[in-house]
C-alpha cells in the first residue's frame, strides 16, 4: 500500500533522522546538500587537534557521511511550512523517497479515502 504524500496530515516523516553516505551526498543538488552537515565536520569540532587530517579521517565516515540538519521545531528545513509539503520533492534524499509507514498509510486512507 503506497501512501499519497500530498494527503499527509502532519508530515511526520519530515521529522526523521536522515543520514546519507558519501556517494549520495556528492550527488545531491546544492539546495539539498546545504541542509546536511558532514559527520567529519562534527568530529573535528570536538577534536580540533586533528584538523588537517580530513582526507585520512573521511574514509571512516563514507557509509554514514552526513546527516540532515533540523529546524528548532524538529522538522526538516526543506519542508514548506505553509503547504507542509517537501520543497525539493523531486530531489529529496533516498531515505525520503524510500520511506514507508503502515501507520502513515492507514491514517491517510482513513482520513481521505472514504
PDB file of N, CA and C in Angstrom:
ATOM      1  N   UNK A   1       0.842  -1.171   0.000  1.00  0.00           N
ATOM      2  CA  UNK A   1       0.000   0.000   0.000  1.00  0.00           C
ATOM      3  C   UNK A   1       0.893   1.242   0.000  1.00  0.00           C
ATOM      4  N   UNK A   2       0.745   2.087  -0.985  1.00  0.00           N
ATOM      5  CA  UNK A   2       1.583   3.275  -1.108  1.00  0.00           C
ATOM      6  C   UNK A   2       0.826   4.496  -0.602  1.00  0.00           C
ATOM      7  N   UNK A   3       1.471   5.270   0.250  1.00  0.00           N
ATOM      8  CA  UNK A   3       0.854   6.481   0.786  1.00  0.00           C
ATOM      9  C   UNK A   3       0.937   7.609  -0.231  1.00  0.00           C
ATOM     10  N   UNK A   4      -0.073   8.445  -0.248  1.00  0.00           N
ATOM     11  CA  UNK A   4      -0.079   9.623  -1.107  1.00  0.00           C
ATOM     12  C   UNK A   4       0.426  10.798  -0.273  1.00  0.00           C
ATOM     13  N   UNK A   5       1.666  11.201  -0.495  1.00  0.00           N
ATOM     14  CA  UNK A   5       2.289  12.252   0.325  1.00  0.00           C
ATOM     15  C   UNK A   5       1.560  13.591   0.221  1.00  0.00           C
ATOM     16  N   UNK A   6       0.817  13.799  -0.852  1.00  0.00           N
ATOM     17  CA  UNK A   6       0.083  15.053  -0.978  1.00  0.00           C
ATOM     18  C   UNK A   6      -1.094  15.131  -0.020  1.00  0.00           C
ATOM     19  N   UNK A   7      -1.462  14.002   0.582  1.00  0.00           N
ATOM     20  CA  UNK A   7      -2.579  13.978   1.520  1.00  0.00           C
ATOM     21  C   UNK A   7      -2.107  13.913   2.974  1.00  0.00           C
ATOM     22  N   UNK A   8      -0.844  14.113   3.202  1.00  0.00           N
ATOM     23  CA  UNK A   8      -0.284  13.959   4.541  1.00  0.00           C
ATOM     24  C   UNK A   8      -0.871  14.976   5.500  1.00  0.00           C
ATOM     25  N   UNK A   9      -1.161  14.519   6.697  1.00  0.00           N
ATOM     26  CA  UNK A   9      -1.748  15.376   7.723  1.00  0.00           C
ATOM     27  C   UNK A   9      -0.720  16.144   8.536  1.00  0.00           C
ATOM     28  N   UNK A  10       0.396  15.508   8.831  1.00  0.00           N
ATOM     29  CA  UNK A  10       1.340  16.139   9.761  1.00  0.00           C
ATOM     30  C   UNK A  10       2.799  16.083   9.329  1.00  0.00           C
ATOM     31  N   UNK A  11       3.086  15.586   8.170  1.00  0.00           N
ATOM     32  CA  UNK A  11       4.458  15.483   7.668  1.00  0.00           C
ATOM     33  C   UNK A  11       5.384  14.840   8.699  1.00  0.00           C
ATOM     34  N   UNK A  12       4.896  13.806   9.351  1.00  0.00           N
ATOM     35  CA  UNK A  12       5.660  13.113  10.389  1.00  0.00           C
ATOM     36  C   UNK A  12       6.978  12.555   9.890  1.00  0.00           C
ATOM     37  N   UNK A  13       7.012  12.102   8.639  1.00  0.00           N
ATOM     38  CA  UNK A  13       8.261  11.553   8.107  1.00  0.00           C
ATOM     39  C   UNK A  13       9.321  12.642   7.973  1.00  0.00           C
ATOM     40  N   UNK A  14       8.903  13.888   7.952  1.00  0.00           N
ATOM     41  CA  UNK A  14       9.843  15.012   7.846  1.00  0.00           C
ATOM     42  C   UNK A  14      10.512  15.320   9.177  1.00  0.00           C
ATOM     43  N   UNK A  15      10.273  14.475  10.170  1.00  0.00           N
ATOM     44  CA  UNK A  15      10.950  14.601  11.463  1.00  0.00           C
ATOM     45  C   UNK A  15      11.963  13.479  11.655  1.00  0.00           C
ATOM     46  N   UNK A  16      12.127  12.649  10.631  1.00  0.00           N
ATOM     47  CA  UNK A  16      13.065  11.533  10.704  1.00  0.00           C
ATOM     48  C   UNK A  16      14.505  12.023  10.768  1.00  0.00           C
ATOM     49  N   UNK A  17      15.355  11.198  11.330  1.00  0.00           N
ATOM     50  CA  UNK A  17      16.795  11.442  11.277  1.00  0.00           C
ATOM     51  C   UNK A  17      17.278  10.917   9.936  1.00  0.00           C
ATOM     52  N   UNK A  18      17.766  11.813   9.084  1.00  0.00           N
ATOM     53  CA  UNK A  18      18.197  11.431   7.738  1.00  0.00           C
ATOM     54  C   UNK A  18      19.720  11.390   7.703  1.00  0.00           C
ATOM     55  N   UNK A  19      20.255  10.211   7.382  1.00  0.00           N
ATOM     56  CA  UNK A  19      21.696  10.028   7.261  1.00  0.00           C
ATOM     57  C   UNK A  19      21.984   9.437   5.894  1.00  0.00           C
ATOM     58  N   UNK A  20      23.018   9.949   5.255  1.00  0.00           N
ATOM     59  CA  UNK A  20      23.336   9.503   3.893  1.00  0.00           C
ATOM     60  C   UNK A  20      24.816   9.155   3.769  1.00  0.00           C
ATOM     61  N   UNK A  21      25.120   8.361   2.751  1.00  0.00           N
ATOM     62  CA  UNK A  21      26.520   8.004   2.508  1.00  0.00           C
ATOM     63  C   UNK A  21      27.186   9.055   1.617  1.00  0.00           C
ATOM     64  N   UNK A  22      28.486   8.935   1.454  1.00  0.00           N
ATOM     65  CA  UNK A  22      29.261   9.918   0.697  1.00  0.00           C
ATOM     66  C   UNK A  22      28.811   9.997  -0.756  1.00  0.00           C
ATOM     67  N   UNK A  23      28.536   8.869  -1.379  1.00  0.00           N
ATOM     68  CA  UNK A  23      28.125   8.856  -2.780  1.00  0.00           C
ATOM     69  C   UNK A  23      26.834   9.658  -2.974  1.00  0.00           C
ATOM     70  N   UNK A  24      25.853   9.441  -2.106  1.00  0.00           N
ATOM     71  CA  UNK A  24      24.606  10.191  -2.229  1.00  0.00           C
ATOM     72  C   UNK A  24      24.845  11.677  -1.955  1.00  0.00           C
ATOM     73  N   UNK A  25      25.644  11.975  -0.943  1.00  0.00           N
ATOM     74  CA  UNK A  25      25.950  13.372  -0.616  1.00  0.00           C
ATOM     75  C   UNK A  25      26.554  14.093  -1.819  1.00  0.00           C
ATOM     76  N   UNK A  26      27.510  13.441  -2.462  1.00  0.00           N
ATOM     77  CA  UNK A  26      28.180  14.046  -3.614  1.00  0.00           C
ATOM     78  C   UNK A  26      27.230  14.295  -4.783  1.00  0.00           C
ATOM     79  N   UNK A  27      26.126  13.539  -4.850  1.00  0.00           N
ATOM     80  CA  UNK A  27      25.180  13.671  -5.954  1.00  0.00           C
ATOM     81  C   UNK A  27      23.961  14.537  -5.643  1.00  0.00           C
ATOM     82  N   UNK A  28      23.886  15.087  -4.442  1.00  0.00           N
ATOM     83  CA  UNK A  28      22.746  15.936  -4.085  1.00  0.00           C
ATOM     84  C   UNK A  28      22.811  17.281  -4.791  1.00  0.00           C
ATOM     85  N   UNK A  29      21.646  17.833  -5.061  1.00  0.00           N
ATOM     86  CA  UNK A  29      21.556  19.195  -5.579  1.00  0.00           C
ATOM     87  C   UNK A  29      22.060  20.151  -4.492  1.00  0.00           C
ATOM     88  N   UNK A  30      22.693  21.265  -4.850  1.00  0.00           N
ATOM     89  CA  UNK A  30      23.239  22.188  -3.847  1.00  0.00           C
ATOM     90  C   UNK A  30      22.230  22.642  -2.789  1.00  0.00           C
ATOM     91  N   UNK A  31      20.990  22.901  -3.175  1.00  0.00           N
ATOM     92  CA  UNK A  31      19.992  23.362  -2.207  1.00  0.00           C
ATOM     93  C   UNK A  31      19.716  22.300  -1.134  1.00  0.00           C
ATOM     94  N   UNK A  32      19.812  21.040  -1.523  1.00  0.00           N
ATOM     95  CA  UNK A  32      19.611  19.939  -0.578  1.00  0.00           C
ATOM     96  C   UNK A  32      20.885  19.713   0.225  1.00  0.00           C
ATOM     97  N   UNK A  33      22.013  19.702  -0.454  1.00  0.00           N
ATOM     98  CA  UNK A  33      23.303  19.463   0.205  1.00  0.00           C
ATOM     99  C   UNK A  33      23.560  20.473   1.327  1.00  0.00           C
ATOM    100  N   UNK A  34      23.115  21.709   1.132  1.00  0.00           N
ATOM    101  CA  UNK A  34      23.317  22.748   2.149  1.00  0.00           C
ATOM    102  C   UNK A  34      22.599  22.451   3.458  1.00  0.00           C
ATOM    103  N   UNK A  35      21.641  21.532   3.426  1.00  0.00           N
ATOM    104  CA  UNK A  35      20.884  21.204   4.626  1.00  0.00           C
ATOM    105  C   UNK A  35      21.465  20.010   5.381  1.00  0.00           C
ATOM    106  N   UNK A  36      22.612  19.553   4.932  1.00  0.00           N
ATOM    107  CA  UNK A  36      23.302  18.438   5.596  1.00  0.00           C
ATOM    108  C   UNK A  36      24.586  18.928   6.243  1.00  0.00           C
ATOM    109  N   UNK A  37      24.962  18.266   7.308  1.00  0.00           N
ATOM    110  CA  UNK A  37      26.261  18.529   7.928  1.00  0.00           C
ATOM    111  C   UNK A  37      27.063  17.233   7.875  1.00  0.00           C
ATOM    112  N   UNK A  38      28.291  17.356   7.425  1.00  0.00           N
ATOM    113  CA  UNK A  38      29.148  16.170   7.313  1.00  0.00           C
ATOM    114  C   UNK A  38      29.596  15.729   8.705  1.00  0.00           C
ATOM    115  N   UNK A  39      29.582  14.437   8.922  1.00  0.00           N
ATOM    116  CA  UNK A  39      29.997  13.881  10.221  1.00  0.00           C
ATOM    117  C   UNK A  39      31.452  14.230  10.546  1.00  0.00           C
ATOM    118  N   UNK A  40      32.284  14.306   9.525  1.00  0.00           N
ATOM    119  CA  UNK A  40      33.683  14.642   9.782  1.00  0.00           C
ATOM    120  C   UNK A  40      33.791  16.056  10.364  1.00  0.00           C
ATOM    121  N   UNK A  41      32.926  16.956   9.928  1.00  0.00           N
ATOM    122  CA  UNK A  41      32.926  18.311  10.476  1.00  0.00           C
ATOM    123  C   UNK A  41      32.509  18.306  11.937  1.00  0.00           C
ATOM    124  N   UNK A  42      31.511  17.490  12.258  1.00  0.00           N
ATOM    125  CA  UNK A  42      31.093  17.365  13.662  1.00  0.00           C
ATOM    126  C   UNK A  42      32.225  16.785  14.508  1.00  0.00           C
ATOM    127  N   UNK A  43      32.895  15.775  13.963  1.00  0.00           N
ATOM    128  CA  UNK A  43      34.014  15.143  14.661  1.00  0.00           C
ATOM    129  C   UNK A  43      35.140  16.145  14.908  1.00  0.00           C
ATOM    130  N   UNK A  44      35.469  16.926  13.882  1.00  0.00           N
ATOM    131  CA  UNK A  44      36.571  17.882  14.003  1.00  0.00           C
ATOM    132  C   UNK A  44      36.236  19.047  14.938  1.00  0.00           C
ATOM    133  N   UNK A  45      34.952  19.356  15.094  1.00  0.00           N
ATOM    134  CA  UNK A  45      34.567  20.368  16.082  1.00  0.00           C
ATOM    135  C   UNK A  45      34.944  19.908  17.484  1.00  0.00           C
ATOM    136  N   UNK A  46      34.784  18.612  17.737  1.00  0.00           N
ATOM    137  CA  UNK A  46      35.096  18.046  19.053  1.00  0.00           C
ATOM    138  C   UNK A  46      36.572  17.706  19.199  1.00  0.00           C
ATOM    139  N   UNK A  47      37.259  17.545  18.081  1.00  0.00           N
ATOM    140  CA  UNK A  47      38.674  17.173  18.101  1.00  0.00           C
ATOM    141  C   UNK A  47      39.470  18.077  17.165  1.00  0.00           C
ATOM    142  N   UNK A  48      39.525  19.371  17.485  1.00  0.00           N
ATOM    143  CA  UNK A  48      40.184  20.317  16.581  1.00  0.00           C
ATOM    144  C   UNK A  48      41.666  20.019  16.350  1.00  0.00           C
ATOM    145  N   UNK A  49      42.276  19.284  17.254  1.00  0.00           N
ATOM    146  CA  UNK A  49      43.696  18.956  17.096  1.00  0.00           C
ATOM    147  C   UNK A  49      43.944  18.020  15.897  1.00  0.00           C
ATOM    148  N   UNK A  50      42.881  17.455  15.328  1.00  0.00           N
ATOM    149  CA  UNK A  50      43.028  16.566  14.174  1.00  0.00           C
ATOM    150  C   UNK A  50      42.764  17.269  12.842  1.00  0.00           C
ATOM    151  N   UNK A  51      42.534  18.571  12.881  1.00  0.00           N
ATOM    152  CA  UNK A  51      42.344  19.311  11.627  1.00  0.00           C
ATOM    153  C   UNK A  51      43.587  19.143  10.771  1.00  0.00           C
ATOM    154  N   UNK A  52      43.395  19.014   9.492  1.00  0.00           N
ATOM    155  CA  UNK A  52      44.496  18.749   8.573  1.00  0.00           C
ATOM    156  C   UNK A  52      44.566  17.281   8.195  1.00  0.00           C
ATOM    157  N   UNK A  53      43.832  16.446   8.929  1.00  0.00           N
ATOM    158  CA  UNK A  53      43.812  15.009   8.626  1.00  0.00           C
ATOM    159  C   UNK A  53      42.476  14.597   7.994  1.00  0.00           C
ATOM    160  N   UNK A  54      41.750  15.558   7.421  1.00  0.00           N
ATOM    161  CA  UNK A  54      40.420  15.287   6.875  1.00  0.00           C
ATOM    162  C   UNK A  54      40.416  14.138   5.875  1.00  0.00           C
ATOM    163  N   UNK A  55      41.392  14.108   4.977  1.00  0.00           N
ATOM    164  CA  UNK A  55      41.425  13.043   3.971  1.00  0.00           C
ATOM    165  C   UNK A  55      41.565  11.664   4.602  1.00  0.00           C
ATOM    166  N   UNK A  56      42.393  11.552   5.614  1.00  0.00           N
ATOM    167  CA  UNK A  56      42.578  10.272   6.289  1.00  0.00           C
ATOM    168  C   UNK A  56      41.336   9.878   7.076  1.00  0.00           C
ATOM    169  N   UNK A  57      40.683  10.859   7.689  1.00  0.00           N
ATOM    170  CA  UNK A  57      39.512  10.585   8.514  1.00  0.00           C
ATOM    171  C   UNK A  57      38.242  10.362   7.693  1.00  0.00           C
ATOM    172  N   UNK A  58      38.180  10.942   6.521  1.00  0.00           N
ATOM    173  CA  UNK A  58      36.960  10.885   5.718  1.00  0.00           C
ATOM    174  C   UNK A  58      36.536   9.456   5.398  1.00  0.00           C
ATOM    175  N   UNK A  59      37.474   8.560   5.239  1.00  0.00           N
ATOM    176  CA  UNK A  59      37.156   7.167   4.935  1.00  0.00           C
ATOM    177  C   UNK A  59      36.347   6.507   6.051  1.00  0.00           C
ATOM    178  N   UNK A  60      36.542   6.978   7.282  1.00  0.00           N
ATOM    179  CA  UNK A  60      35.790   6.437   8.422  1.00  0.00           C
ATOM    180  C   UNK A  60      34.298   6.687   8.263  1.00  0.00           C
ATOM    181  N   UNK A  61      33.931   7.745   7.564  1.00  0.00           N
ATOM    182  CA  UNK A  61      32.542   8.178   7.504  1.00  0.00           C
ATOM    183  C   UNK A  61      31.884   7.969   6.140  1.00  0.00           C
ATOM    184  N   UNK A  62      32.490   7.211   5.246  1.00  0.00           N
ATOM    185  CA  UNK A  62      31.945   7.117   3.889  1.00  0.00           C
ATOM    186  C   UNK A  62      30.541   6.515   3.842  1.00  0.00           C
ATOM    187  N   UNK A  63      30.205   5.607   4.759  1.00  0.00           N
ATOM    188  CA  UNK A  63      28.877   4.993   4.756  1.00  0.00           C
ATOM    189  C   UNK A  63      27.863   5.760   5.603  1.00  0.00           C
ATOM    190  N   UNK A  64      28.336   6.599   6.469  1.00  0.00           N
ATOM    191  CA  UNK A  64      27.482   7.407   7.340  1.00  0.00           C
ATOM    192  C   UNK A  64      28.030   8.831   7.266  1.00  0.00           C
ATOM    193  N   UNK A  65      28.046   9.374   6.070  1.00  0.00           N
ATOM    194  CA  UNK A  65      28.816  10.560   5.754  1.00  0.00           C
ATOM    195  C   UNK A  65      28.240  11.869   6.286  1.00  0.00           C
ATOM    196  N   UNK A  66      26.928  12.027   6.182  1.00  0.00           N
ATOM    197  CA  UNK A  66      26.329  13.302   6.572  1.00  0.00           C
ATOM    198  C   UNK A  66      24.936  13.073   7.138  1.00  0.00           C
ATOM    199  N   UNK A  67      24.499  14.023   7.954  1.00  0.00           N
ATOM    200  CA  UNK A  67      23.137  13.957   8.477  1.00  0.00           C
ATOM    201  C   UNK A  67      22.439  15.286   8.245  1.00  0.00           C
ATOM    202  N   UNK A  68      21.127  15.195   8.054  1.00  0.00           N
ATOM    203  CA  UNK A  68      20.362  16.397   7.769  1.00  0.00           C
ATOM    204  C   UNK A  68      20.184  17.220   9.035  1.00  0.00           C
ATOM    205  N   UNK A  69      20.306  18.513   8.858  1.00  0.00           N
ATOM    206  CA  UNK A  69      20.049  19.439   9.950  1.00  0.00           C
ATOM    207  C   UNK A  69      18.550  19.448  10.228  1.00  0.00           C
ATOM    208  N   UNK A  70      18.163  19.925  11.390  1.00  0.00           N
ATOM    209  CA  UNK A  70      16.755  20.062  11.757  1.00  0.00           C
ATOM    210  C   UNK A  70      16.500  21.500  12.185  1.00  0.00           C
ATOM    211  N   UNK A  71      15.304  21.972  11.925  1.00  0.00           N
ATOM    212  CA  UNK A  71      14.912  23.279  12.444  1.00  0.00           C
ATOM    213  C   UNK A  71      14.573  23.143  13.920  1.00  0.00           C
ATOM    214  N   UNK A  72      14.391  24.244  14.597  1.00  0.00           N
ATOM    215  CA  UNK A  72      14.107  24.242  16.029  1.00  0.00           C
ATOM    216  C   UNK A  72      12.861  23.418  16.366  1.00  0.00           C
ATOM    217  N   UNK A  73      11.912  23.341  15.445  1.00  0.00           N
ATOM    218  CA  UNK A  73      10.688  22.577  15.685  1.00  0.00           C
ATOM    219  C   UNK A  73      10.861  21.083  15.415  1.00  0.00           C
ATOM    220  N   UNK A  74      12.059  20.670  15.003  1.00  0.00           N
ATOM    221  CA  UNK A  74      12.339  19.261  14.757  1.00  0.00           C
ATOM    222  C   UNK A  74      12.039  18.791  13.351  1.00  0.00           C
ATOM    223  N   UNK A  75      11.491  19.661  12.525  1.00  0.00           N
ATOM    224  CA  UNK A  75      11.171  19.297  11.145  1.00  0.00           C
ATOM    225  C   UNK A  75      12.345  19.567  10.211  1.00  0.00           C
ATOM    226  N   UNK A  76      12.304  18.905   9.086  1.00  0.00           N
ATOM    227  CA  UNK A  76      13.274  19.092   8.019  1.00  0.00           C
ATOM    228  C   UNK A  76      13.256  20.552   7.561  1.00  0.00           C
ATOM    229  N   UNK A  77      14.417  21.144   7.336  1.00  0.00           N
ATOM    230  CA  UNK A  77      14.460  22.527   6.873  1.00  0.00           C
ATOM    231  C   UNK A  77      13.933  22.712   5.451  1.00  0.00           C
ATOM    232  N   UNK A  78      13.738  21.620   4.724  1.00  0.00           N
ATOM    233  CA  UNK A  78      13.230  21.700   3.356  1.00  0.00           C
ATOM    234  C   UNK A  78      11.707  21.557   3.280  1.00  0.00           C
ATOM    235  N   UNK A  79      11.071  21.415   4.429  1.00  0.00           N
ATOM    236  CA  UNK A  79       9.614  21.318   4.474  1.00  0.00           C
ATOM    237  C   UNK A  79       9.013  22.717   4.401  1.00  0.00           C
ATOM    238  N   UNK A  80       8.148  22.934   3.417  1.00  0.00           N
ATOM    239  CA  UNK A  80       7.448  24.211   3.283  1.00  0.00           C
ATOM    240  C   UNK A  80       6.392  24.269   4.380  1.00  0.00           C
ATOM    241  N   UNK A  81       6.526  25.200   5.313  1.00  0.00           N
ATOM    242  CA  UNK A  81       5.627  25.271   6.461  1.00  0.00           C
ATOM    243  C   UNK A  81       4.212  25.739   6.098  1.00  0.00           C
ATOM    244  N   UNK A  82       4.055  26.412   4.987  1.00  0.00           N
ATOM    245  CA  UNK A  82       2.721  26.848   4.580  1.00  0.00           C
ATOM    246  C   UNK A  82       1.915  25.690   4.001  1.00  0.00           C
ATOM    247  N   UNK A  83       2.541  24.900   3.148  1.00  0.00           N
ATOM    248  CA  UNK A  83       1.838  23.794   2.496  1.00  0.00           C
ATOM    249  C   UNK A  83       2.062  22.465   3.201  1.00  0.00           C
ATOM    250  N   UNK A  84       3.095  22.390   4.056  1.00  0.00           N
ATOM    251  CA  UNK A  84       3.535  21.166   4.719  1.00  0.00           C
ATOM    252  C   UNK A  84       3.918  20.094   3.692  1.00  0.00           C
ATOM    253  N   UNK A  85       4.452  20.553   2.553  1.00  0.00           N
ATOM    254  CA  UNK A  85       4.951  19.663   1.514  1.00  0.00           C
ATOM    255  C   UNK A  85       6.450  19.890   1.333  1.00  0.00           C
ATOM    256  N   UNK A  86       7.121  18.894   0.808  1.00  0.00           N
ATOM    257  CA  UNK A  86       8.558  18.978   0.566  1.00  0.00           C
ATOM    258  C   UNK A  86       8.845  19.993  -0.535  1.00  0.00           C
ATOM    259  N   UNK A  87       9.750  20.907  -0.244  1.00  0.00           N
ATOM    260  CA  UNK A  87      10.087  21.949  -1.224  1.00  0.00           C
ATOM    261  C   UNK A  87      11.067  21.451  -2.294  1.00  0.00           C
ATOM    262  N   UNK A  88      11.640  20.277  -2.090  1.00  0.00           N
ATOM    263  CA  UNK A  88      12.578  19.694  -3.066  1.00  0.00           C
ATOM    264  C   UNK A  88      12.161  18.262  -3.397  1.00  0.00           C
ATOM    265  N   UNK A  89      10.880  18.033  -3.471  1.00  0.00           N
ATOM    266  CA  UNK A  89      10.326  16.685  -3.619  1.00  0.00           C
ATOM    267  C   UNK A  89      11.028  15.866  -4.699  1.00  0.00           C
ATOM    268  N   UNK A  90      11.254  16.433  -5.854  1.00  0.00           N
ATOM    269  CA  UNK A  90      11.881  15.697  -6.955  1.00  0.00           C
ATOM    270  C   UNK A  90      13.361  15.406  -6.703  1.00  0.00           C
ATOM    271  N   UNK A  91      13.978  16.112  -5.774  1.00  0.00           N
ATOM    272  CA  UNK A  91      15.415  15.947  -5.493  1.00  0.00           C
ATOM    273  C   UNK A  91      15.675  15.501  -4.061  1.00  0.00           C
ATOM    274  N   UNK A  92      14.676  14.972  -3.397  1.00  0.00           N
ATOM    275  CA  UNK A  92      14.826  14.588  -1.991  1.00  0.00           C
ATOM    276  C   UNK A  92      15.752  13.384  -1.833  1.00  0.00           C
ATOM    277  N   UNK A  93      16.354  13.223  -0.648  1.00  0.00           N
ATOM    278  CA  UNK A  93      17.264  12.094  -0.406  1.00  0.00           C
ATOM    279  C   UNK A  93      16.546  10.745  -0.524  1.00  0.00           C
ATOM    280  N   UNK A  94      17.334   9.698  -0.760  1.00  0.00           N
ATOM    281  CA  UNK A  94      16.790   8.342  -0.925  1.00  0.00           C
ATOM    282  C   UNK A  94      15.976   7.891   0.287  1.00  0.00           C
ATOM    283  N   UNK A  95      16.412   8.259   1.476  1.00  0.00           N
ATOM    284  CA  UNK A  95      15.669   7.875   2.674  1.00  0.00           C
ATOM    285  C   UNK A  95      14.239   8.381   2.593  1.00  0.00           C
ATOM    286  N   UNK A  96      14.068   9.578   2.094  1.00  0.00           N
ATOM    287  CA  UNK A  96      12.735  10.154   1.954  1.00  0.00           C
ATOM    288  C   UNK A  96      11.960   9.452   0.839  1.00  0.00           C
ATOM    289  N   UNK A  97      12.623   9.187  -0.261  1.00  0.00           N
ATOM    290  CA  UNK A  97      11.983   8.503  -1.388  1.00  0.00           C
ATOM    291  C   UNK A  97      11.488   7.123  -0.962  1.00  0.00           C
ATOM    292  N   UNK A  98      12.310   6.412  -0.199  1.00  0.00           N
ATOM    293  CA  UNK A  98      12.010   5.029   0.171  1.00  0.00           C
ATOM    294  C   UNK A  98      11.192   4.889   1.448  1.00  0.00           C
ATOM    295  N   UNK A  99      10.863   5.982   2.085  1.00  0.00           N
ATOM    296  CA  UNK A  99      10.133   5.921   3.354  1.00  0.00           C
ATOM    297  C   UNK A  99       8.756   5.298   3.179  1.00  0.00           C
ATOM    298  N   UNK A 100       8.452   4.339   4.022  1.00  0.00           N
ATOM    299  CA  UNK A 100       7.109   3.763   4.060  1.00  0.00           C
ATOM    300  C   UNK A 100       6.723   3.566   5.512  1.00  0.00           C
ATOM    301  N   UNK A 101       5.473   3.723   5.775  1.00  0.00           N
ATOM    302  CA  UNK A 101       4.970   3.511   7.121  1.00  0.00           C
ATOM    303  C   UNK A 101       3.518   3.051   7.034  1.00  0.00           C
ATOM    304  N   UNK A 102       3.240   1.889   7.560  1.00  0.00           N
ATOM    305  CA  UNK A 102       1.855   1.410   7.571  1.00  0.00           C
ATOM    306  C   UNK A 102       0.967   2.345   8.369  1.00  0.00           C
ATOM    307  N   UNK A 103       1.493   2.873   9.464  1.00  0.00           N
ATOM    308  CA  UNK A 103       0.711   3.802  10.282  1.00  0.00           C
ATOM    309  C   UNK A 103       0.318   5.031   9.452  1.00  0.00           C
ATOM    310  N   UNK A 104       1.288   5.596   8.738  1.00  0.00           N
ATOM    311  CA  UNK A 104       1.008   6.756   7.891  1.00  0.00           C
ATOM    312  C   UNK A 104      -0.038   6.416   6.843  1.00  0.00           C
ATOM    313  N   UNK A 105       0.152   5.310   6.170  1.00  0.00           N
ATOM    314  CA  UNK A 105      -0.767   4.913   5.106  1.00  0.00           C
ATOM    315  C   UNK A 105      -2.184   4.736   5.630  1.00  0.00           C
ATOM    316  N   UNK A 106      -2.315   4.082   6.777  1.00  0.00           N
ATOM    317  CA  UNK A 106      -3.644   3.840   7.345  1.00  0.00           C
ATOM    318  C   UNK A 106      -4.321   5.147   7.746  1.00  0.00           C
ATOM    319  N   UNK A 107      -3.578   6.046   8.356  1.00  0.00           N
ATOM    320  CA  UNK A 107      -4.144   7.337   8.750  1.00  0.00           C
ATOM    321  C   UNK A 107      -4.621   8.083   7.520  1.00  0.00           C
ATOM    322  N   UNK A 108      -3.820   8.095   6.474  1.00  0.00           N
ATOM    323  CA  UNK A 108      -4.194   8.813   5.268  1.00  0.00           C
ATOM    324  C   UNK A 108      -5.415   8.194   4.605  1.00  0.00           C
ATOM    325  N   UNK A 109      -5.457   6.867   4.574  1.00  0.00           N
ATOM    326  CA  UNK A 109      -6.595   6.199   3.948  1.00  0.00           C
ATOM    327  C   UNK A 109      -7.883   6.451   4.734  1.00  0.00           C
ATOM    328  N   UNK A 110      -7.802   6.380   6.061  1.00  0.00           N
ATOM    329  CA  UNK A 110      -8.998   6.614   6.876  1.00  0.00           C
ATOM    330  C   UNK A 110      -9.503   8.038   6.731  1.00  0.00           C
ATOM    331  N   UNK A 111      -8.588   8.970   6.606  1.00  0.00           N
ATOM    332  CA  UNK A 111      -8.975  10.372   6.561  1.00  0.00           C
ATOM    333  C   UNK A 111      -9.467  10.814   5.199  1.00  0.00           C
ATOM    334  N   UNK A 112      -8.865  10.311   4.146  1.00  0.00           N
ATOM    335  CA  UNK A 112      -9.148  10.875   2.826  1.00  0.00           C
ATOM    336  C   UNK A 112      -9.876   9.947   1.862  1.00  0.00           C
ATOM    337  N   UNK A 113      -9.756   8.661   2.018  1.00  0.00           N
ATOM    338  CA  UNK A 113     -10.333   7.755   1.032  1.00  0.00           C
ATOM    339  C   UNK A 113     -11.623   7.120   1.560  1.00  0.00           C
ATOM    340  N   UNK A 114     -12.530   7.944   1.935  1.00  0.00           N
ATOM    341  CA  UNK A 114     -13.812   7.470   2.490  1.00  0.00           C
ATOM    342  C   UNK A 114     -14.771   7.137   1.368  1.00  0.00           C
TER     343      UNK A 114
END
